[in-house]
Amino acid sequence: MAKRVSLHERRTQDQQGFEKFFTSPSPPGPTVEKLMKATYYIRPDQDIALASIQLAERQRSGRRCDKSELVREALDLLVSKYNTPVSQ
């Protein structure tokens, strides 16, 4: 099944007329890192702490932070703590 495209994205793709010829091309978008799905068990207190961090980050920045994003950040810190080489 094809991914639904937002109205804003569709408008950007369907740029026509004057704007198409006289606007500078937009810079390339951010690269999307490839993610894999993994299931791990955590303690209830860790889940509560994760939710608290998520709420604090949303209040600080105004943007919704995904729990998966926070877990990836925590794993990056753990990898750097143990100086584990990561091959990509």
PDB file of N, CA and C in Angstrom:
ATOM      1  N   MET A   1       0.836  -1.163   0.000  1.00  0.00           N
ATOM      2  CA  MET A   1       0.000   0.000   0.000  1.00  0.00           C
ATOM      3  C   MET A   1       0.889   1.237   0.000  1.00  0.00           C
ATOM      4  N   ALA A   2       0.579   2.207  -0.820  1.00  0.00           N
ATOM      5  CA  ALA A   2       1.394   3.408  -0.946  1.00  0.00           C
ATOM      6  C   ALA A   2       1.208   4.318   0.267  1.00  0.00           C
ATOM      7  N   LYS A   3       2.258   5.020   0.630  1.00  0.00           N
ATOM      8  CA  LYS A   3       2.214   5.944   1.743  1.00  0.00           C
ATOM      9  C   LYS A   3       1.407   7.169   1.342  1.00  0.00           C
ATOM     10  N   ARG A   4       0.565   7.652   2.233  1.00  0.00           N
ATOM     11  CA  ARG A   4      -0.220   8.847   1.947  1.00  0.00           C
ATOM     12  C   ARG A   4       0.696  10.061   1.994  1.00  0.00           C
ATOM     13  N   VAL A   5       0.492  10.974   1.086  1.00  0.00           N
ATOM     14  CA  VAL A   5       1.318  12.170   0.989  1.00  0.00           C
ATOM     15  C   VAL A   5       0.540  13.341   1.574  1.00  0.00           C
ATOM     16  N   SER A   6       1.204  14.138   2.424  1.00  0.00           N
ATOM     17  CA  SER A   6       0.529  15.281   3.030  1.00  0.00           C
ATOM     18  C   SER A   6       0.204  16.325   1.974  1.00  0.00           C
ATOM     19  N   LEU A   7      -0.781  17.153   2.278  1.00  0.00           N
ATOM     20  CA  LEU A   7      -1.199  18.196   1.345  1.00  0.00           C
ATOM     21  C   LEU A   7      -0.053  19.166   1.080  1.00  0.00           C
ATOM     22  N   HIS A   8       0.692  19.522   2.119  1.00  0.00           N
ATOM     23  CA  HIS A   8       1.822  20.432   1.946  1.00  0.00           C
ATOM     24  C   HIS A   8       2.864  19.840   0.994  1.00  0.00           C
ATOM     25  N   GLU A   9       3.167  18.556   1.189  1.00  0.00           N
ATOM     26  CA  GLU A   9       4.153  17.904   0.327  1.00  0.00           C
ATOM     27  C   GLU A   9       3.655  17.843  -1.117  1.00  0.00           C
ATOM     28  N   ARG A  10       2.369  17.560  -1.284  1.00  0.00           N
ATOM     29  CA  ARG A  10       1.802  17.487  -2.626  1.00  0.00           C
ATOM     30  C   ARG A  10       1.860  18.858  -3.309  1.00  0.00           C
ATOM     31  N   ARG A  11       1.561  19.905  -2.564  1.00  0.00           N
ATOM     32  CA  ARG A  11       1.639  21.257  -3.130  1.00  0.00           C
ATOM     33  C   ARG A  11       3.063  21.601  -3.541  1.00  0.00           C
ATOM     34  N   THR A  12       4.023  21.182  -2.729  1.00  0.00           N
ATOM     35  CA  THR A  12       5.425  21.441  -3.044  1.00  0.00           C
ATOM     36  C   THR A  12       5.836  20.706  -4.322  1.00  0.00           C
ATOM     37  N   GLN A  13       5.366  19.461  -4.480  1.00  0.00           N
ATOM     38  CA  GLN A  13       5.702  18.681  -5.670  1.00  0.00           C
ATOM     39  C   GLN A  13       5.020  19.226  -6.910  1.00  0.00           C
ATOM     40  N   ASP A  14       3.815  19.767  -6.763  1.00  0.00           N
ATOM     41  CA  ASP A  14       3.031  20.225  -7.905  1.00  0.00           C
ATOM     42  C   ASP A  14       3.247  21.703  -8.220  1.00  0.00           C
ATOM     43  N   GLN A  15       4.405  22.224  -7.894  1.00  0.00           N
ATOM     44  CA  GLN A  15       4.692  23.636  -8.134  1.00  0.00           C
ATOM     45  C   GLN A  15       4.644  23.928  -9.633  1.00  0.00           C
ATOM     46  N   GLN A  16       3.846  24.911 -10.040  1.00  0.00           N
ATOM     47  CA  GLN A  16       3.683  25.194 -11.456  1.00  0.00           C
ATOM     48  C   GLN A  16       3.780  26.690 -11.713  1.00  0.00           C
ATOM     49  N   GLY A  17       3.732  27.031 -12.990  1.00  0.00           N
ATOM     50  CA  GLY A  17       3.675  28.430 -13.417  1.00  0.00           C
ATOM     51  C   GLY A  17       4.911  29.210 -13.070  1.00  0.00           C
ATOM     52  N   PHE A  18       4.686  30.461 -12.699  1.00  0.00           N
ATOM     53  CA  PHE A  18       5.747  31.417 -12.424  1.00  0.00           C
ATOM     54  C   PHE A  18       6.741  30.892 -11.396  1.00  0.00           C
ATOM     55  N   GLU A  19       6.230  30.321 -10.315  1.00  0.00           N
ATOM     56  CA  GLU A  19       7.098  29.835  -9.239  1.00  0.00           C
ATOM     57  C   GLU A  19       8.052  28.745  -9.713  1.00  0.00           C
ATOM     58  N   LYS A  20       7.594  27.931 -10.635  1.00  0.00           N
ATOM     59  CA  LYS A  20       8.405  26.809 -11.104  1.00  0.00           C
ATOM     60  C   LYS A  20       9.676  27.285 -11.800  1.00  0.00           C
ATOM     61  N   PHE A  21       9.577  28.407 -12.515  1.00  0.00           N
ATOM     62  CA  PHE A  21      10.707  28.878 -13.311  1.00  0.00           C
ATOM     63  C   PHE A  21      11.566  29.911 -12.606  1.00  0.00           C
ATOM     64  N   PHE A  22      11.022  30.629 -11.640  1.00  0.00           N
ATOM     65  CA  PHE A  22      11.759  31.744 -11.064  1.00  0.00           C
ATOM     66  C   PHE A  22      12.100  31.600  -9.592  1.00  0.00           C
ATOM     67  N   THR A  23      11.895  30.476  -9.024  1.00  0.00           N
ATOM     68  CA  THR A  23      12.322  30.257  -7.646  1.00  0.00           C
ATOM     69  C   THR A  23      13.556  29.368  -7.653  1.00  0.00           C
ATOM     70  N   SER A  24      14.415  29.601  -6.670  1.00  0.00           N
ATOM     71  CA  SER A  24      15.627  28.783  -6.600  1.00  0.00           C
ATOM     72  C   SER A  24      15.255  27.395  -6.089  1.00  0.00           C
ATOM     73  N   PRO A  25      15.957  26.385  -6.551  1.00  0.00           N
ATOM     74  CA  PRO A  25      15.642  25.025  -6.092  1.00  0.00           C
ATOM     75  C   PRO A  25      15.887  24.903  -4.592  1.00  0.00           C
ATOM     76  N   SER A  26      15.047  24.146  -3.924  1.00  0.00           N
ATOM     77  CA  SER A  26      15.206  23.975  -2.486  1.00  0.00           C
ATOM     78  C   SER A  26      16.395  23.060  -2.212  1.00  0.00           C
ATOM     79  N   PRO A  27      17.071  23.295  -1.082  1.00  0.00           N
ATOM     80  CA  PRO A  27      18.213  22.433  -0.745  1.00  0.00           C
ATOM     81  C   PRO A  27      17.722  21.020  -0.485  1.00  0.00           C
ATOM     82  N   PRO A  28      18.594  20.043  -0.650  1.00  0.00           N
ATOM     83  CA  PRO A  28      18.177  18.663  -0.410  1.00  0.00           C
ATOM     84  C   PRO A  28      17.733  18.491   1.039  1.00  0.00           C
ATOM     85  N   GLY A  29      16.737  17.661   1.247  1.00  0.00           N
ATOM     86  CA  GLY A  29      16.203  17.419   2.585  1.00  0.00           C
ATOM     87  C   GLY A  29      17.175  16.607   3.419  1.00  0.00           C
ATOM     88  N   PRO A  30      16.863  16.487   4.700  1.00  0.00           N
ATOM     89  CA  PRO A  30      17.761  15.711   5.569  1.00  0.00           C
ATOM     90  C   PRO A  30      17.750  14.241   5.169  1.00  0.00           C
ATOM     91  N   THR A  31      18.890  13.614   5.335  1.00  0.00           N
ATOM     92  CA  THR A  31      18.973  12.198   4.994  1.00  0.00           C
ATOM     93  C   THR A  31      18.240  11.391   6.053  1.00  0.00           C
ATOM     94  N   VAL A  32      17.567  10.377   5.638  1.00  0.00           N
ATOM     95  CA  VAL A  32      16.809   9.532   6.551  1.00  0.00           C
ATOM     96  C   VAL A  32      17.655   8.307   6.875  1.00  0.00           C
ATOM     97  N   GLU A  33      17.907   8.119   8.164  1.00  0.00           N
ATOM     98  CA  GLU A  33      18.701   6.973   8.556  1.00  0.00           C
ATOM     99  C   GLU A  33      17.834   5.724   8.559  1.00  0.00           C
ATOM    100  N   LYS A  34      18.427   4.621   8.183  1.00  0.00           N
ATOM    101  CA  LYS A  34      17.692   3.367   8.131  1.00  0.00           C
ATOM    102  C   LYS A  34      17.574   2.809   9.547  1.00  0.00           C
ATOM    103  N   LEU A  35      16.362   2.476   9.929  1.00  0.00           N
ATOM    104  CA  LEU A  35      16.113   1.963  11.266  1.00  0.00           C
ATOM    105  C   LEU A  35      15.604   0.535  11.179  1.00  0.00           C
ATOM    106  N   MET A  36      15.857  -0.221  12.222  1.00  0.00           N
ATOM    107  CA  MET A  36      15.322  -1.578  12.305  1.00  0.00           C
ATOM    108  C   MET A  36      14.455  -1.669  13.549  1.00  0.00           C
ATOM    109  N   LYS A  37      13.507  -2.564  13.536  1.00  0.00           N
ATOM    110  CA  LYS A  37      12.635  -2.750  14.681  1.00  0.00           C
ATOM    111  C   LYS A  37      13.244  -3.785  15.612  1.00  0.00           C
ATOM    112  N   ALA A  38      13.256  -3.457  16.908  1.00  0.00           N
ATOM    113  CA  ALA A  38      13.778  -4.384  17.911  1.00  0.00           C
ATOM    114  C   ALA A  38      12.915  -4.262  19.164  1.00  0.00           C
ATOM    115  N   THR A  39      12.707  -5.348  19.838  1.00  0.00           N
ATOM    116  CA  THR A  39      11.905  -5.352  21.062  1.00  0.00           C
ATOM    117  C   THR A  39      12.810  -5.704  22.239  1.00  0.00           C
ATOM    118  N   TYR A  40      12.766  -4.851  23.261  1.00  0.00           N
ATOM    119  CA  TYR A  40      13.552  -5.083  24.469  1.00  0.00           C
ATOM    120  C   TYR A  40      12.652  -4.856  25.664  1.00  0.00           C
ATOM    121  N   TYR A  41      12.932  -5.531  26.754  1.00  0.00           N
ATOM    122  CA  TYR A  41      12.148  -5.388  27.967  1.00  0.00           C
ATOM    123  C   TYR A  41      12.817  -4.382  28.881  1.00  0.00           C
ATOM    124  N   ILE A  42      12.006  -3.474  29.448  1.00  0.00           N
ATOM    125  CA  ILE A  42      12.511  -2.480  30.396  1.00  0.00           C
ATOM    126  C   ILE A  42      11.644  -2.542  31.650  1.00  0.00           C
ATOM    127  N   ARG A  43      12.175  -2.003  32.739  1.00  0.00           N
ATOM    128  CA  ARG A  43      11.427  -1.970  33.990  1.00  0.00           C
ATOM    129  C   ARG A  43      10.373  -0.861  33.933  1.00  0.00           C
ATOM    130  N   PRO A  44       9.313  -0.976  34.723  1.00  0.00           N
ATOM    131  CA  PRO A  44       8.280   0.073  34.732  1.00  0.00           C
ATOM    132  C   PRO A  44       8.822   1.452  35.097  1.00  0.00           C
ATOM    133  N   ASP A  45       9.778   1.508  36.043  1.00  0.00           N
ATOM    134  CA  ASP A  45      10.344   2.804  36.424  1.00  0.00           C
ATOM    135  C   ASP A  45      11.127   3.433  35.262  1.00  0.00           C
ATOM    136  N   GLN A  46      11.742   2.607  34.420  1.00  0.00           N
ATOM    137  CA  GLN A  46      12.446   3.134  33.247  1.00  0.00           C
ATOM    138  C   GLN A  46      11.454   3.702  32.238  1.00  0.00           C
ATOM    139  N   ASP A  47      10.303   3.061  32.100  1.00  0.00           N
ATOM    140  CA  ASP A  47       9.278   3.558  31.191  1.00  0.00           C
ATOM    141  C   ASP A  47       8.719   4.885  31.686  1.00  0.00           C
ATOM    142  N   ILE A  48       8.509   4.996  33.000  1.00  0.00           N
ATOM    143  CA  ILE A  48       8.018   6.252  33.577  1.00  0.00           C
ATOM    144  C   ILE A  48       9.048   7.359  33.384  1.00  0.00           C
ATOM    145  N   ALA A  49      10.328   7.037  33.595  1.00  0.00           N
ATOM    146  CA  ALA A  49      11.388   8.030  33.389  1.00  0.00           C
ATOM    147  C   ALA A  49      11.442   8.473  31.930  1.00  0.00           C
ATOM    148  N   LEU A  50      11.269   7.535  31.019  1.00  0.00           N
ATOM    149  CA  LEU A  50      11.274   7.847  29.593  1.00  0.00           C
ATOM    150  C   LEU A  50      10.111   8.784  29.243  1.00  0.00           C
ATOM    151  N   ALA A  51       8.932   8.506  29.801  1.00  0.00           N
ATOM    152  CA  ALA A  51       7.770   9.365  29.568  1.00  0.00           C
ATOM    153  C   ALA A  51       7.990  10.755  30.169  1.00  0.00           C
ATOM    154  N   SER A  52       8.641  10.831  31.323  1.00  0.00           N
ATOM    155  CA  SER A  52       8.936  12.123  31.955  1.00  0.00           C
ATOM    156  C   SER A  52       9.904  12.945  31.119  1.00  0.00           C
ATOM    157  N   ILE A  53      10.921  12.282  30.595  1.00  0.00           N
ATOM    158  CA  ILE A  53      11.889  12.964  29.726  1.00  0.00           C
ATOM    159  C   ILE A  53      11.188  13.445  28.459  1.00  0.00           C
ATOM    160  N   GLN A  54      10.314  12.608  27.922  1.00  0.00           N
ATOM    161  CA  GLN A  54       9.571  12.971  26.713  1.00  0.00           C
ATOM    162  C   GLN A  54       8.728  14.227  26.962  1.00  0.00           C
ATOM    163  N   LEU A  55       8.028  14.284  28.102  1.00  0.00           N
ATOM    164  CA  LEU A  55       7.204  15.436  28.440  1.00  0.00           C
ATOM    165  C   LEU A  55       8.059  16.685  28.653  1.00  0.00           C
ATOM    166  N   ALA A  56       9.169  16.533  29.378  1.00  0.00           N
ATOM    167  CA  ALA A  56      10.054  17.671  29.632  1.00  0.00           C
ATOM    168  C   ALA A  56      10.624  18.229  28.329  1.00  0.00           C
ATOM    169  N   GLU A  57      10.982  17.350  27.423  1.00  0.00           N
ATOM    170  CA  GLU A  57      11.531  17.784  26.134  1.00  0.00           C
ATOM    171  C   GLU A  57      10.471  18.525  25.320  1.00  0.00           C
ATOM    172  N   ARG A  58       9.231  18.042  25.388  1.00  0.00           N
ATOM    173  CA  ARG A  58       8.153  18.713  24.663  1.00  0.00           C
ATOM    174  C   ARG A  58       7.889  20.099  25.247  1.00  0.00           C
ATOM    175  N   GLN A  59       7.929  20.219  26.577  1.00  0.00           N
ATOM    176  CA  GLN A  59       7.724  21.519  27.214  1.00  0.00           C
ATOM    177  C   GLN A  59       8.882  22.467  26.912  1.00  0.00           C
ATOM    178  N   ARG A  60      10.086  21.929  26.839  1.00  0.00           N
ATOM    179  CA  ARG A  60      11.269  22.771  26.583  1.00  0.00           C
ATOM    180  C   ARG A  60      11.308  23.248  25.144  1.00  0.00           C
ATOM    181  N   SER A  61      11.111  22.343  24.196  1.00  0.00           N
ATOM    182  CA  SER A  61      11.313  22.687  22.792  1.00  0.00           C
ATOM    183  C   SER A  61      10.018  22.949  22.030  1.00  0.00           C
ATOM    184  N   GLY A  62       8.887  22.479  22.576  1.00  0.00           N
ATOM    185  CA  GLY A  62       7.625  22.657  21.868  1.00  0.00           C
ATOM    186  C   GLY A  62       7.399  21.624  20.787  1.00  0.00           C
ATOM    187  N   ARG A  63       8.291  20.687  20.649  1.00  0.00           N
ATOM    188  CA  ARG A  63       8.166  19.650  19.618  1.00  0.00           C
ATOM    189  C   ARG A  63       8.022  18.304  20.296  1.00  0.00           C
ATOM    190  N   ARG A  64       7.165  17.458  19.701  1.00  0.00           N
ATOM    191  CA  ARG A  64       6.928  16.132  20.267  1.00  0.00           C
ATOM    192  C   ARG A  64       8.135  15.235  19.995  1.00  0.00           C
ATOM    193  N   CYS A  65       8.670  14.691  21.038  1.00  0.00           N
ATOM    194  CA  CYS A  65       9.830  13.813  20.939  1.00  0.00           C
ATOM    195  C   CYS A  65       9.354  12.370  21.046  1.00  0.00           C
ATOM    196  N   ASP A  66       9.759  11.548  20.121  1.00  0.00           N
ATOM    197  CA  ASP A  66       9.363  10.152  20.101  1.00  0.00           C
ATOM    198  C   ASP A  66      10.192   9.364  21.110  1.00  0.00           C
ATOM    199  N   LYS A  67       9.563   8.409  21.796  1.00  0.00           N
ATOM    200  CA  LYS A  67      10.301   7.586  22.762  1.00  0.00           C
ATOM    201  C   LYS A  67      11.416   6.810  22.069  1.00  0.00           C
ATOM    202  N   SER A  68      11.178   6.363  20.858  1.00  0.00           N
ATOM    203  CA  SER A  68      12.221   5.635  20.121  1.00  0.00           C
ATOM    204  C   SER A  68      13.444   6.515  19.901  1.00  0.00           C
ATOM    205  N   GLU A  69      13.201   7.786  19.636  1.00  0.00           N
ATOM    206  CA  GLU A  69      14.302   8.736  19.446  1.00  0.00           C
ATOM    207  C   GLU A  69      15.114   8.864  20.737  1.00  0.00           C
ATOM    208  N   LEU A  70      14.422   8.915  21.874  1.00  0.00           N
ATOM    209  CA  LEU A  70      15.117   9.006  23.160  1.00  0.00           C
ATOM    210  C   LEU A  70      15.912   7.733  23.447  1.00  0.00           C
ATOM    211  N   VAL A  71      15.358   6.586  23.132  1.00  0.00           N
ATOM    212  CA  VAL A  71      16.064   5.320  23.350  1.00  0.00           C
ATOM    213  C   VAL A  71      17.300   5.255  22.454  1.00  0.00           C
ATOM    214  N   ARG A  72      17.181   5.707  21.204  1.00  0.00           N
ATOM    215  CA  ARG A  72      18.364   5.722  20.311  1.00  0.00           C
ATOM    216  C   ARG A  72      19.448   6.637  20.869  1.00  0.00           C
ATOM    217  N   GLU A  73      19.036   7.800  21.409  1.00  0.00           N
ATOM    218  CA  GLU A  73      20.011   8.711  22.005  1.00  0.00           C
ATOM    219  C   GLU A  73      20.696   8.066  23.211  1.00  0.00           C
ATOM    220  N   ALA A  74      19.919   7.373  24.045  1.00  0.00           N
ATOM    221  CA  ALA A  74      20.484   6.689  25.213  1.00  0.00           C
ATOM    222  C   ALA A  74      21.453   5.589  24.789  1.00  0.00           C
ATOM    223  N   LEU A  75      21.100   4.844  23.744  1.00  0.00           N
ATOM    224  CA  LEU A  75      21.997   3.793  23.252  1.00  0.00           C
ATOM    225  C   LEU A  75      23.274   4.385  22.674  1.00  0.00           C
ATOM    226  N   ASP A  76      23.167   5.525  21.992  1.00  0.00           N
ATOM    227  CA  ASP A  76      24.373   6.190  21.485  1.00  0.00           C
ATOM    228  C   ASP A  76      25.299   6.579  22.621  1.00  0.00           C
ATOM    229  N   LEU A  77      24.724   7.080  23.727  1.00  0.00           N
ATOM    230  CA  LEU A  77      25.546   7.432  24.892  1.00  0.00           C
ATOM    231  C   LEU A  77      26.189   6.194  25.505  1.00  0.00           C
ATOM    232  N   LEU A  78      25.453   5.099  25.568  1.00  0.00           N
ATOM    233  CA  LEU A  78      25.989   3.852  26.107  1.00  0.00           C
ATOM    234  C   LEU A  78      27.127   3.305  25.245  1.00  0.00           C
ATOM    235  N   VAL A  79      26.950   3.384  23.941  1.00  0.00           N
ATOM    236  CA  VAL A  79      27.990   2.926  23.009  1.00  0.00           C
ATOM    237  C   VAL A  79      29.252   3.770  23.185  1.00  0.00           C
ATOM    238  N   SER A  80      29.086   5.097  23.312  1.00  0.00           N
ATOM    239  CA  SER A  80      30.267   5.950  23.475  1.00  0.00           C
ATOM    240  C   SER A  80      30.928   5.724  24.844  1.00  0.00           C
ATOM    241  N   LYS A  81      30.127   5.425  25.861  1.00  0.00           N
ATOM    242  CA  LYS A  81      30.686   5.159  27.205  1.00  0.00           C
ATOM    243  C   LYS A  81      31.601   3.937  27.181  1.00  0.00           C
ATOM    244  N   TYR A  82      31.192   2.890  26.488  1.00  0.00           N
ATOM    245  CA  TYR A  82      31.968   1.675  26.441  1.00  0.00           C
ATOM    246  C   TYR A  82      32.942   1.643  25.259  1.00  0.00           C
ATOM    247  N   ASN A  83      33.048   2.731  24.541  1.00  0.00           N
ATOM    248  CA  ASN A  83      33.957   2.840  23.388  1.00  0.00           C
ATOM    249  C   ASN A  83      33.803   1.665  22.434  1.00  0.00           C
ATOM    250  N   THR A  84      32.570   1.317  22.170  1.00  0.00           N
ATOM    251  CA  THR A  84      32.286   0.187  21.283  1.00  0.00           C
ATOM    252  C   THR A  84      32.275   0.666  19.835  1.00  0.00           C
ATOM    253  N   PRO A  85      33.157   0.112  18.996  1.00  0.00           N
ATOM    254  CA  PRO A  85      33.123   0.523  17.583  1.00  0.00           C
ATOM    255  C   PRO A  85      31.851   0.014  16.914  1.00  0.00           C
ATOM    256  N   VAL A  86      31.226   0.876  16.149  1.00  0.00           N
ATOM    257  CA  VAL A  86      29.997   0.518  15.444  1.00  0.00           C
ATOM    258  C   VAL A  86      30.269   0.579  13.954  1.00  0.00           C
ATOM    259  N   SER A  87      30.077  -0.528  13.269  1.00  0.00           N
ATOM    260  CA  SER A  87      30.255  -0.535  11.825  1.00  0.00           C
ATOM    261  C   SER A  87      28.889  -0.399  11.180  1.00  0.00           C
ATOM    262  N   GLN A  88      28.836   0.420  10.119  1.00  0.00           N
ATOM    263  CA  GLN A  88      27.545   0.660   9.456  1.00  0.00           C
ATOM    264  C   GLN A  88      27.543   0.137   8.065  1.00  0.00           C
TER     265      GLN A  88
END
